[in-house]
């Protein structure tokens, strides 16, 4: 029947392929890498920029008391004033910051982990820690991604960046799947600036360098040596006594010149209160301000694409020299796909070369290559039925699936060639090859599909397993009908 109605079979097959590609682009959820099943919980504590370590530590201790009252916590470690060392591939250590702290909580299992996360989220929502922005999350597989949804506002003027970034944040706040949208750096911190009269400085026997060194000694301290502590090297600082450091009036600080005379700081210039950015970030040497947020009940890539469409009006009104770039999970996903695309030409060239050496005819090569994407049909069906996302690991499975289906096509076409050499009529040779090779092809396909069933429960390999199971079963079934019809159409065989 397939040989007689070859055009209909080929048309139906390509129609199914087009619908499957549309399903892959549309309804199928997109995901970069899945969450980990490890029992750890990461808690990020962000207070206002410029907050002292002491104040940050007070908030952390309140969080620790809350954790102590919860069951299911095996242990926890707190890092105040900076991030934790890298203990998992997807965790980036944060830079030192007196207003930041990180708590790593180890629970007794995934069930307790999810329960504790829900309880902590409820406390945060109720305003228990209103003085801080607290982020609670579990570990993720894959390369480090600081925030799942993020946009970079790139430009030159920090004030303009803030204005545009607040507009982006407003759009993000209206999305029901975005939680805690915020600017990476926004609030400015107060600083004291000393405007020195250089002529007066020289008259008093001081230099700007000596003033800076003495001020550093009175505040942060001056490094004088290094000592080894276990496997680390620790700097040794010397600084003024606590009573002197506790003075909150810098103008009354006393400095010494080369003659040992005491000179009040107020005699050297004027101390003024000013405000400055707590941090300035650059990407590819360009100043940017990131607007980022967490995602709830959705995939980050889907949310990012929806927000990107909502930002169209802001794009149109951007001043010259300013732009908005996509960051977060979608950017890292595109980078990973680009790394694969770089080797695609070589892979396709080698694949075509092997097929040409085997088939030795242009129509035969085309038949084999046209069966490569048929696995998408079954993969999309499996992903939609079992509600699995399509991510980087699933993409690797889809690429491998193309090779499996092309192998089946090579088996069928080789059997057709053998039948023709035995003197069969072309149409009979095609039908007999499909019938004769159906059993081994189906059995090998079922064996491959059944072998992936144990992986379907794995959080990391599960999507790839569903892609391969659905693609192998459906793709093999379609191949057994599609290849004879396409072969008869390509070689213009007469129907009988």
Protein backbone atom coordinates (compact mmCIF):
# COMPACT_ATOMS: atom_id res chain seq x y z
CA UNK A 1 0.00 0.00 0.00
CA UNK A 2 2.78 2.45 0.92
CA UNK A 3 4.53 1.85 -2.40
CA UNK A 4 1.32 2.32 -4.37
CA UNK A 5 0.34 5.46 -2.43
CA UNK A 6 3.88 6.77 -2.11
CA UNK A 7 3.02 10.46 -2.52
CA UNK A 8 0.35 10.30 0.16
CA UNK A 9 2.68 8.54 2.61
CA UNK A 10 5.50 11.02 2.01
CA UNK A 11 3.13 13.98 2.34
CA UNK A 12 1.61 12.68 5.59
CA UNK A 13 5.07 12.00 7.02
CA UNK A 14 6.36 15.48 6.26
CA UNK A 15 3.13 17.02 7.59
CA UNK A 16 3.63 15.15 10.87
CA UNK A 17 7.23 16.39 10.95
CA UNK A 18 6.16 20.00 10.45
CA UNK A 19 3.55 19.71 13.21
CA UNK A 20 6.13 18.16 15.52
CA UNK A 21 8.61 20.97 14.90
CA UNK A 22 5.83 23.46 15.66
CA UNK A 23 5.11 21.55 18.86
CA UNK A 24 8.78 21.63 19.81
CA UNK A 25 8.90 25.38 19.27
CA UNK A 26 5.58 26.02 21.01
CA UNK A 27 3.92 23.81 23.65
CA UNK A 28 7.00 21.84 24.76
CA UNK A 29 8.56 23.46 27.83
CA UNK A 30 12.15 24.65 27.45
CA UNK A 31 14.75 24.13 30.14
CA UNK A 32 18.51 24.61 30.25
CA UNK A 33 19.39 22.12 33.00
CA UNK A 34 17.12 20.55 35.63
CA UNK A 35 17.28 21.06 39.36
CA UNK A 36 19.44 18.75 41.44
CA UNK A 37 18.10 16.07 43.76
CA UNK A 38 20.80 16.82 46.36
CA UNK A 39 19.54 17.66 49.87
CA UNK A 40 21.26 21.06 50.21
CA UNK A 41 19.45 24.38 50.43
CA UNK A 42 21.15 27.67 49.54
CA UNK A 43 20.05 30.80 51.40
CA UNK A 44 21.35 34.15 50.16
CA UNK A 45 20.97 37.10 52.54
CA UNK A 46 21.28 40.57 51.00
CA UNK A 47 21.00 43.65 53.17
CA UNK A 48 21.26 47.27 52.06
CA UNK A 49 24.62 48.09 50.43
CA UNK A 50 27.14 49.34 52.95
CA UNK A 51 25.62 47.41 55.86
CA UNK A 52 28.24 46.36 58.38
CA UNK A 53 29.25 42.75 58.90
CA UNK A 54 27.93 42.97 62.47
CA UNK A 55 24.43 43.88 61.30
CA UNK A 56 24.52 41.19 58.63
CA UNK A 57 25.61 38.63 61.21
CA UNK A 58 22.65 39.58 63.42
CA UNK A 59 20.21 38.72 60.63
CA UNK A 60 22.05 35.47 59.93
CA UNK A 61 21.79 34.44 63.58
CA UNK A 62 18.02 34.97 63.48
CA UNK A 63 17.86 32.72 60.43
CA UNK A 64 19.97 30.12 62.22
CA UNK A 65 17.58 30.16 65.18
CA UNK A 66 14.71 29.55 62.79
CA UNK A 67 16.57 26.63 61.19
CA UNK A 68 17.28 25.15 64.62
CA UNK A 69 13.55 25.08 65.33
CA UNK A 70 12.80 23.11 62.16
CA UNK A 71 13.05 19.37 61.92
CA UNK A 72 14.87 17.69 59.08
CA UNK A 73 17.98 19.90 59.22
CA UNK A 74 21.12 17.80 59.44
CA UNK A 75 23.58 20.71 59.63
CA UNK A 76 24.25 24.15 58.20
CA UNK A 77 27.19 26.48 57.60
CA UNK A 78 26.99 30.28 57.46
CA UNK A 79 29.36 32.57 55.57
CA UNK A 80 29.03 36.24 56.54
CA UNK A 81 30.64 38.93 54.43
CA UNK A 82 31.09 36.76 51.35
CA UNK A 83 30.11 33.57 49.57
CA UNK A 84 30.93 29.96 50.29
CA UNK A 85 33.74 28.06 48.55
CA UNK A 86 32.70 26.24 45.39
CA UNK A 87 31.43 22.85 46.52
CA UNK A 88 29.20 22.14 43.51
CA UNK A 89 29.79 22.89 39.84
CA UNK A 90 26.80 25.22 39.49
CA UNK A 91 27.61 27.36 42.55
CA UNK A 92 29.63 30.51 41.91
CA UNK A 93 31.43 31.95 44.96
CA UNK A 94 30.25 35.50 45.62
CA UNK A 95 32.62 38.42 45.99
CA UNK A 96 33.39 39.76 49.49
CA UNK A 97 30.59 42.05 50.62
CA UNK A 98 29.85 43.14 54.17
CA UNK A 99 26.11 43.28 53.41
CA UNK A 100 25.93 39.72 52.04
CA UNK A 101 25.79 36.32 53.72
CA UNK A 102 25.22 32.77 52.54
CA UNK A 103 23.87 29.82 54.49
CA UNK A 104 24.22 26.27 53.17
CA UNK A 105 21.71 23.95 54.82
CA UNK A 106 22.02 20.18 54.53
CA UNK A 107 18.70 18.42 55.05
CA UNK A 108 17.96 14.75 55.63
CA UNK A 109 16.50 14.23 52.15
CA UNK A 110 14.68 15.76 49.16
CA UNK A 111 11.28 15.60 50.88
CA UNK A 112 12.51 17.50 53.94
CA UNK A 113 14.39 19.90 51.66
CA UNK A 114 11.21 20.89 49.82
CA UNK A 115 9.29 21.21 53.10
CA UNK A 116 11.92 23.49 54.64
CA UNK A 117 12.11 25.63 51.50
CA UNK A 118 8.33 26.11 51.59
CA UNK A 119 8.44 27.01 55.30
CA UNK A 120 11.26 29.51 54.81
CA UNK A 121 9.49 31.08 51.84
CA UNK A 122 6.42 31.55 54.02
CA UNK A 123 8.46 33.31 56.72
CA UNK A 124 10.01 35.61 54.12
CA UNK A 125 6.59 36.36 52.61
CA UNK A 126 5.25 37.21 56.09
CA UNK A 127 8.00 39.81 56.57
CA UNK A 128 9.95 37.99 59.27
CA UNK A 129 13.18 39.28 57.73
CA UNK A 130 11.94 42.55 56.28
CA UNK A 131 15.36 44.19 56.56
CA UNK A 132 16.91 41.82 54.00
CA UNK A 133 16.24 40.39 50.56
CA UNK A 134 16.45 36.65 51.10
CA UNK A 135 16.69 34.11 48.30
CA UNK A 136 16.05 30.44 49.03
CA UNK A 137 16.81 27.82 46.39
CA UNK A 138 18.11 24.34 45.77
CA UNK A 139 21.09 23.29 43.68
CA UNK A 140 20.88 23.06 39.90
CA UNK A 141 22.72 20.88 37.43
CA UNK A 142 24.74 22.42 34.64
CA UNK A 143 26.99 25.48 34.42
CA UNK A 144 26.57 28.31 36.93
CA UNK A 145 23.59 30.62 36.37
CA UNK A 146 23.27 33.33 39.01
CA UNK A 147 19.62 34.17 38.27
CA UNK A 148 17.26 32.23 35.98
CA UNK A 149 15.70 35.39 34.50
CA UNK A 150 17.97 38.35 33.92
CA UNK A 151 18.36 41.28 31.52
CA UNK A 152 21.38 43.55 31.11
CA UNK A 153 20.76 47.24 30.50
CA UNK A 154 23.93 48.42 28.75
CA UNK A 155 25.00 52.05 28.40
CA UNK A 156 27.31 54.78 29.67
CA UNK A 157 25.46 56.90 32.23
CA UNK A 158 24.55 55.17 35.53
CA UNK A 159 21.56 57.48 36.04
CA UNK A 160 20.11 56.56 32.64
CA UNK A 161 20.82 52.90 33.31
CA UNK A 162 18.84 53.14 36.54
CA UNK A 163 15.92 54.82 34.80
CA UNK A 164 15.70 52.14 32.09
CA UNK A 165 16.34 49.32 34.57
CA UNK A 166 13.43 50.43 36.76
CA UNK A 167 11.18 50.32 33.69
CA UNK A 168 12.35 46.77 32.99
CA UNK A 169 11.76 45.82 36.61
CA UNK A 170 8.22 47.21 36.40
CA UNK A 171 7.49 44.96 33.42
CA UNK A 172 8.97 41.94 35.20
CA UNK A 173 6.90 42.60 38.32
CA UNK A 174 3.68 42.20 36.31
CA UNK A 175 4.60 38.68 35.22
CA UNK A 176 2.96 36.18 37.61
CA UNK A 177 5.88 33.75 37.29
CA UNK A 178 8.61 36.23 38.28
CA UNK A 179 9.48 36.45 41.98
CA UNK A 180 11.54 39.19 43.61
CA UNK A 181 12.54 41.24 40.54
CA UNK A 182 15.29 43.70 41.48
CA UNK A 183 18.27 45.67 40.23
CA UNK A 184 21.73 44.24 40.81
CA UNK A 185 23.07 47.60 41.98
CA UNK A 186 20.73 50.48 42.65
CA UNK A 187 20.91 51.97 46.12
CA UNK A 188 23.88 54.30 46.60
CA UNK A 189 25.93 54.22 49.80
CA UNK A 190 27.11 57.21 51.87
CA UNK A 191 30.84 57.90 51.90
CA UNK A 192 33.12 60.50 53.44
CA UNK A 193 35.43 62.26 51.02
CA UNK A 194 38.42 64.34 52.06
CA UNK A 195 39.11 67.32 49.82
CA UNK A 196 42.74 68.10 50.56
CA UNK A 197 44.42 71.46 50.16
CA UNK A 198 47.72 70.28 48.66
CA UNK A 199 49.55 73.53 49.44
CA UNK A 200 48.58 73.29 53.11
CA UNK A 201 49.52 69.59 53.04
CA UNK A 202 53.08 70.37 51.92
CA UNK A 203 53.47 73.09 54.52
CA UNK A 204 52.61 70.57 57.25
CA UNK A 205 55.13 68.01 56.01
CA UNK A 206 52.65 65.46 54.65
CA UNK A 207 51.98 63.86 51.27
CA UNK A 208 48.75 62.40 49.83
CA UNK A 209 50.31 58.93 50.08
CA UNK A 210 51.16 59.29 53.78
CA UNK A 211 47.65 60.58 54.52
CA UNK A 212 46.09 57.63 52.67
CA UNK A 213 48.30 55.12 54.49
CA UNK A 214 47.53 56.55 57.91
CA UNK A 215 43.80 56.66 57.18
CA UNK A 216 43.91 53.04 56.05
CA UNK A 217 45.72 52.14 59.27
CA UNK A 218 43.01 53.86 61.31
CA UNK A 219 40.13 52.11 59.47
CA UNK A 220 40.67 48.84 57.58
CA UNK A 221 44.26 48.20 58.58
CA UNK A 222 47.51 47.75 56.66
CA UNK A 223 48.79 44.30 55.54
CA UNK A 224 52.28 43.64 56.89
CA UNK A 225 52.83 39.88 56.45
CA UNK A 226 51.37 36.53 55.38
CA UNK A 227 51.10 33.31 57.38
CA UNK A 228 50.01 29.82 56.37
CA UNK A 229 46.89 28.37 57.95
CA UNK A 230 46.36 24.77 56.89
CA UNK A 231 46.41 24.95 53.08
CA UNK A 232 45.65 28.67 52.85
CA UNK A 233 47.70 31.85 53.06
CA UNK A 234 46.25 34.47 55.42
CA UNK A 235 47.18 38.16 55.43
CA UNK A 236 48.21 39.75 58.73
CA UNK A 237 46.92 43.30 59.25
CA UNK A 238 47.90 45.96 61.75
CA UNK A 239 45.49 48.77 62.56
CA UNK A 240 44.65 51.34 65.20
CA UNK A 241 43.25 50.47 68.59
CA UNK A 242 39.55 49.81 68.93
CA UNK A 243 38.85 52.97 70.90
CA UNK A 244 40.40 55.11 68.17
CA UNK A 245 38.66 53.23 65.38
CA UNK A 246 35.34 53.66 67.19
CA UNK A 247 35.49 57.45 66.74
CA UNK A 248 32.69 58.41 64.38
CA UNK A 249 34.05 61.89 63.64
CA UNK A 250 36.84 61.60 61.02
CA UNK A 251 37.63 65.36 61.19
CA UNK A 252 39.08 64.84 64.69
CA UNK A 253 41.41 62.05 63.50
CA UNK A 254 45.00 62.97 64.18
CA UNK A 255 47.79 62.25 61.71
CA UNK A 256 51.54 62.54 62.18
CA UNK A 257 54.02 64.17 59.86
CA UNK A 258 57.67 63.21 59.40
CA UNK A 259 58.65 65.21 62.50
CA UNK A 260 56.14 63.29 64.63
CA UNK A 261 53.83 66.24 65.11
CA UNK A 262 50.11 65.55 65.52
CA UNK A 263 47.93 67.23 62.93
CA UNK A 264 44.10 67.04 63.04
CA UNK A 265 42.56 65.88 59.81
CA UNK A 266 40.36 68.97 59.73
CA UNK A 267 43.49 71.13 59.26
CA UNK A 268 44.31 69.40 55.97
CA UNK A 269 41.05 69.95 54.13
CA UNK A 270 37.30 69.52 54.30
CA UNK A 271 35.53 66.22 54.98
CA UNK A 272 32.28 65.98 53.00
CA UNK A 273 29.46 63.47 52.93
CA UNK A 274 28.85 62.05 49.45
CA UNK A 275 27.02 59.14 47.85
CA UNK A 276 28.46 56.67 45.39
CA UNK A 277 27.54 53.36 43.77
CA UNK A 278 28.25 50.34 45.93
CA UNK A 279 29.46 48.48 42.84
CA UNK A 280 29.85 49.01 39.11
CA UNK A 281 29.62 46.01 36.81
CA UNK A 282 30.93 45.62 33.27
CA UNK A 283 30.35 42.97 30.63
CA UNK A 284 32.77 42.87 27.71
CA UNK A 285 34.12 46.20 29.01
CA UNK A 286 30.68 47.82 28.79
CA UNK A 287 28.90 49.32 31.79
CA UNK A 288 25.65 47.52 32.57
CA UNK A 289 22.96 47.22 35.20
CA UNK A 290 21.29 43.83 35.51
CA UNK A 291 17.60 43.40 36.31
CA UNK A 292 16.97 39.89 37.55
CA UNK A 293 14.49 37.70 39.35
CA UNK A 294 13.53 34.19 40.39
CA UNK A 295 11.00 32.01 38.55
CA UNK A 296 8.04 30.18 40.06
CA UNK A 297 5.80 27.54 38.44
CA UNK A 298 7.34 27.98 34.98
CA UNK A 299 10.51 27.37 32.98
CA UNK A 300 13.02 30.27 32.97
CA UNK A 301 13.45 30.22 29.20
CA UNK A 302 9.71 30.47 28.57
CA UNK A 303 9.39 33.35 31.04
CA UNK A 304 12.38 35.16 29.54
CA UNK A 305 10.94 34.94 26.02
CA UNK A 306 7.57 36.22 27.23
CA UNK A 307 9.21 39.15 29.03
CA UNK A 308 11.37 39.92 26.00
CA UNK A 309 8.21 40.44 23.97
CA UNK A 310 6.75 42.65 26.73
CA UNK A 311 9.89 44.84 26.67
CA UNK A 312 9.35 45.83 23.04
CA UNK A 313 8.02 49.29 23.94
CA UNK A 314 11.05 49.98 26.16
CA UNK A 315 13.36 48.84 23.35
CA UNK A 316 11.80 51.34 20.98
CA UNK A 317 12.27 54.25 23.41
CA UNK A 318 15.90 53.55 24.37
CA UNK A 319 18.34 56.45 23.89
CA UNK A 320 21.16 56.11 21.39
CA UNK A 321 24.00 54.00 22.74
CA UNK A 322 21.79 52.01 25.10
CA UNK A 323 20.43 48.51 24.68
CA UNK A 324 18.95 45.59 26.62
CA UNK A 325 20.56 42.15 26.41
CA UNK A 326 19.20 38.81 27.54
CA UNK A 327 21.14 37.15 30.35
CA UNK A 328 20.36 34.35 32.80
CA UNK A 329 19.43 30.81 31.82
CA UNK A 330 18.44 31.66 28.25
CA UNK A 331 21.82 33.23 27.51
CA UNK A 332 23.72 30.27 28.94
CA UNK A 333 21.48 27.89 27.00
CA UNK A 334 22.21 29.73 23.77
CA UNK A 335 25.94 29.64 24.53
CA UNK A 336 25.76 25.88 25.06
CA UNK A 337 23.83 25.39 21.82
CA UNK A 338 26.32 27.59 19.96
CA UNK A 339 29.16 25.38 21.18
CA UNK A 340 27.38 22.39 19.63
CA UNK A 341 26.58 24.28 16.45
CA UNK A 342 30.27 24.99 15.94
CA UNK A 343 30.98 21.29 15.38
CA UNK A 344 27.77 20.66 13.43
CA UNK A 345 29.30 21.30 9.98
CA UNK A 346 32.08 18.80 10.64
CA UNK A 347 29.62 16.27 12.06
CA UNK A 348 27.30 16.59 9.07
CA UNK A 349 30.21 16.36 6.63
CA UNK A 350 31.45 13.14 8.21
CA UNK A 351 27.91 11.77 8.33
CA UNK A 352 27.26 12.52 4.66
CA UNK A 353 30.63 11.05 3.71
CA UNK A 354 29.85 7.77 5.46
CA UNK A 355 26.39 7.61 3.86
CA UNK A 356 27.80 8.35 0.39
CA UNK A 357 30.40 5.61 0.75
CA UNK A 358 27.65 3.19 1.74
CA UNK A 359 24.92 4.18 -0.74
CA UNK A 360 27.00 5.34 -3.73
CA UNK A 361 23.99 7.06 -5.28
CA UNK A 362 22.55 10.53 -4.82
CA UNK A 363 18.90 9.43 -4.38
CA UNK A 364 19.96 6.86 -1.78
CA UNK A 365 21.90 9.48 0.18
CA UNK A 366 18.88 11.80 0.15
CA UNK A 367 16.61 9.00 1.42
CA UNK A 368 18.91 8.27 4.36
CA UNK A 369 19.34 11.93 5.32
CA UNK A 370 15.60 12.65 5.11
CA UNK A 371 14.89 10.02 7.77
CA UNK A 372 17.25 11.69 10.27
CA UNK A 373 14.73 14.26 11.62
CA UNK A 374 11.81 11.83 11.87
CA UNK A 375 12.68 11.17 15.51
CA UNK A 376 11.34 14.62 16.37
CA UNK A 377 7.79 13.30 15.85
CA UNK A 378 7.97 10.69 18.58
CA UNK A 379 10.12 12.88 20.83
CA UNK A 380 7.58 15.70 20.89
CA UNK A 381 4.74 13.27 21.58
CA UNK A 382 6.64 11.71 24.50
CA UNK A 383 7.63 15.09 25.98
CA UNK A 384 4.06 16.38 25.82
CA UNK A 385 2.45 13.23 27.21
CA UNK A 386 4.83 12.92 30.15
CA UNK A 387 5.16 16.71 30.63
CA UNK A 388 8.92 16.74 30.33
CA UNK A 389 10.95 19.85 29.39
CA UNK A 390 13.29 19.98 26.43
CA UNK A 391 16.76 21.01 27.53
CA UNK A 392 20.42 20.62 26.74
CA UNK A 393 20.59 16.95 27.70
CA UNK A 394 17.44 16.18 25.67
CA UNK A 395 19.05 17.95 22.70
CA UNK A 396 21.99 15.56 22.87
CA UNK A 397 19.55 12.64 22.85
CA UNK A 398 17.78 14.06 19.79
CA UNK A 399 21.09 14.31 17.93
CA UNK A 400 21.90 10.69 18.76
CA UNK A 401 18.41 9.66 17.69
CA UNK A 402 19.11 10.83 14.14
CA UNK A 403 21.92 8.31 13.87
CA UNK A 404 19.72 5.46 15.07
CA UNK A 405 17.05 6.16 12.44
CA UNK A 406 19.60 6.57 9.65
CA UNK A 407 21.05 3.20 10.60
CA UNK A 408 17.60 1.61 10.19
CA UNK A 409 17.27 3.24 6.77
CA UNK A 410 20.66 1.92 5.71
CA UNK A 411 19.57 -1.59 6.72
CA UNK A 412 16.41 -1.35 4.61
CA UNK A 413 18.09 0.17 1.56
CA UNK A 414 20.88 -2.39 1.69
CA UNK A 415 18.31 -5.17 1.72
CA UNK A 416 16.63 -3.59 -1.32
CA UNK A 417 19.97 -3.61 -3.13
CA UNK A 418 20.51 -7.27 -2.23
CA UNK A 419 17.03 -8.14 -3.52
CA UNK A 420 17.69 -6.34 -6.80
CA UNK A 421 20.93 -8.26 -7.24
CA UNK A 422 18.95 -11.48 -6.74
CA UNK A 423 16.81 -10.56 -9.75
CA UNK A 424 13.65 -9.30 -8.06
CA UNK A 425 11.49 -6.66 -9.67
CA UNK A 426 12.17 -3.20 -8.15
CA UNK A 427 8.73 -2.82 -6.53
CA UNK A 428 8.84 -6.36 -5.15
CA UNK A 429 12.38 -5.78 -3.88
CA UNK A 430 11.27 -2.75 -1.87
CA UNK A 431 8.25 -4.46 -0.32
CA UNK A 432 10.14 -7.66 0.47
CA UNK A 433 12.98 -5.68 2.09
CA UNK A 434 10.57 -3.84 4.38
CA UNK A 435 8.86 -7.10 5.38
CA UNK A 436 12.08 -9.03 5.81
CA UNK A 437 13.89 -6.36 7.87
CA UNK A 438 10.88 -5.28 9.91
CA UNK A 439 11.42 -7.82 12.69
CA UNK A 440 15.14 -7.13 13.41
CA UNK A 441 14.62 -3.37 13.10
CA UNK A 442 11.62 -3.40 15.46
CA UNK A 443 13.34 -5.70 17.95
CA UNK A 444 16.47 -3.54 18.11
CA UNK A 445 14.31 -0.43 18.49
CA UNK A 446 12.31 -1.96 21.33
CA UNK A 447 15.51 -3.13 23.02
CA UNK A 448 16.90 0.40 22.86
CA UNK A 449 13.64 1.93 24.12
CA UNK A 450 13.27 -0.52 27.00
CA UNK A 451 16.88 0.04 28.02
CA UNK A 452 16.14 3.72 28.66
CA UNK A 453 13.11 3.13 30.90
CA UNK A 454 15.18 3.08 34.15
CA UNK A 455 16.55 6.52 33.27
CA UNK A 456 13.08 8.07 33.05
CA UNK A 457 12.94 8.48 36.83
CA UNK A 458 16.29 10.29 36.95
CA UNK A 459 15.97 14.05 37.32
CA UNK A 460 18.98 14.73 35.08
CA UNK A 461 18.72 12.06 32.37
CA UNK A 462 14.91 11.75 32.39
CA UNK A 463 14.11 14.17 29.52
CA UNK A 464 16.76 12.56 27.31
CA UNK A 465 15.35 9.11 28.06
CA UNK A 466 11.84 10.20 27.02
CA UNK A 467 13.22 11.75 23.83
CA UNK A 468 15.00 8.53 22.90
CA UNK A 469 12.11 6.23 23.86
CA UNK A 470 9.49 8.21 21.96
CA UNK A 471 11.79 8.94 19.05
CA UNK A 472 13.02 5.37 18.60
CA UNK A 473 9.56 3.75 18.80
CA UNK A 474 7.63 6.24 16.67
CA UNK A 475 10.54 7.01 14.38
CA UNK A 476 11.18 3.34 13.65
CA UNK A 477 7.50 2.70 12.94
CA UNK A 478 7.34 5.64 10.56
CA UNK A 479 10.60 4.62 8.90
CA UNK A 480 9.22 1.19 7.99
CA UNK A 481 6.40 2.89 6.04
CA UNK A 482 8.17 6.04 4.91
CA UNK A 483 11.38 4.58 3.48
CA UNK A 484 9.68 2.18 1.00
CA UNK A 485 7.41 4.98 -0.20
CA UNK A 486 10.27 7.46 -0.50
CA UNK A 487 12.48 4.85 -2.21
CA UNK A 488 9.76 4.13 -4.76
CA UNK A 489 9.25 7.85 -5.32
CA UNK A 490 12.96 8.67 -5.62
CA UNK A 491 13.76 5.84 -8.05
CA UNK A 492 10.39 6.18 -9.86
CA UNK A 493 9.43 2.54 -9.43
CA UNK A 494 6.33 1.29 -11.17
CA UNK A 495 3.39 0.33 -8.96
CA UNK A 496 2.06 -3.19 -9.17
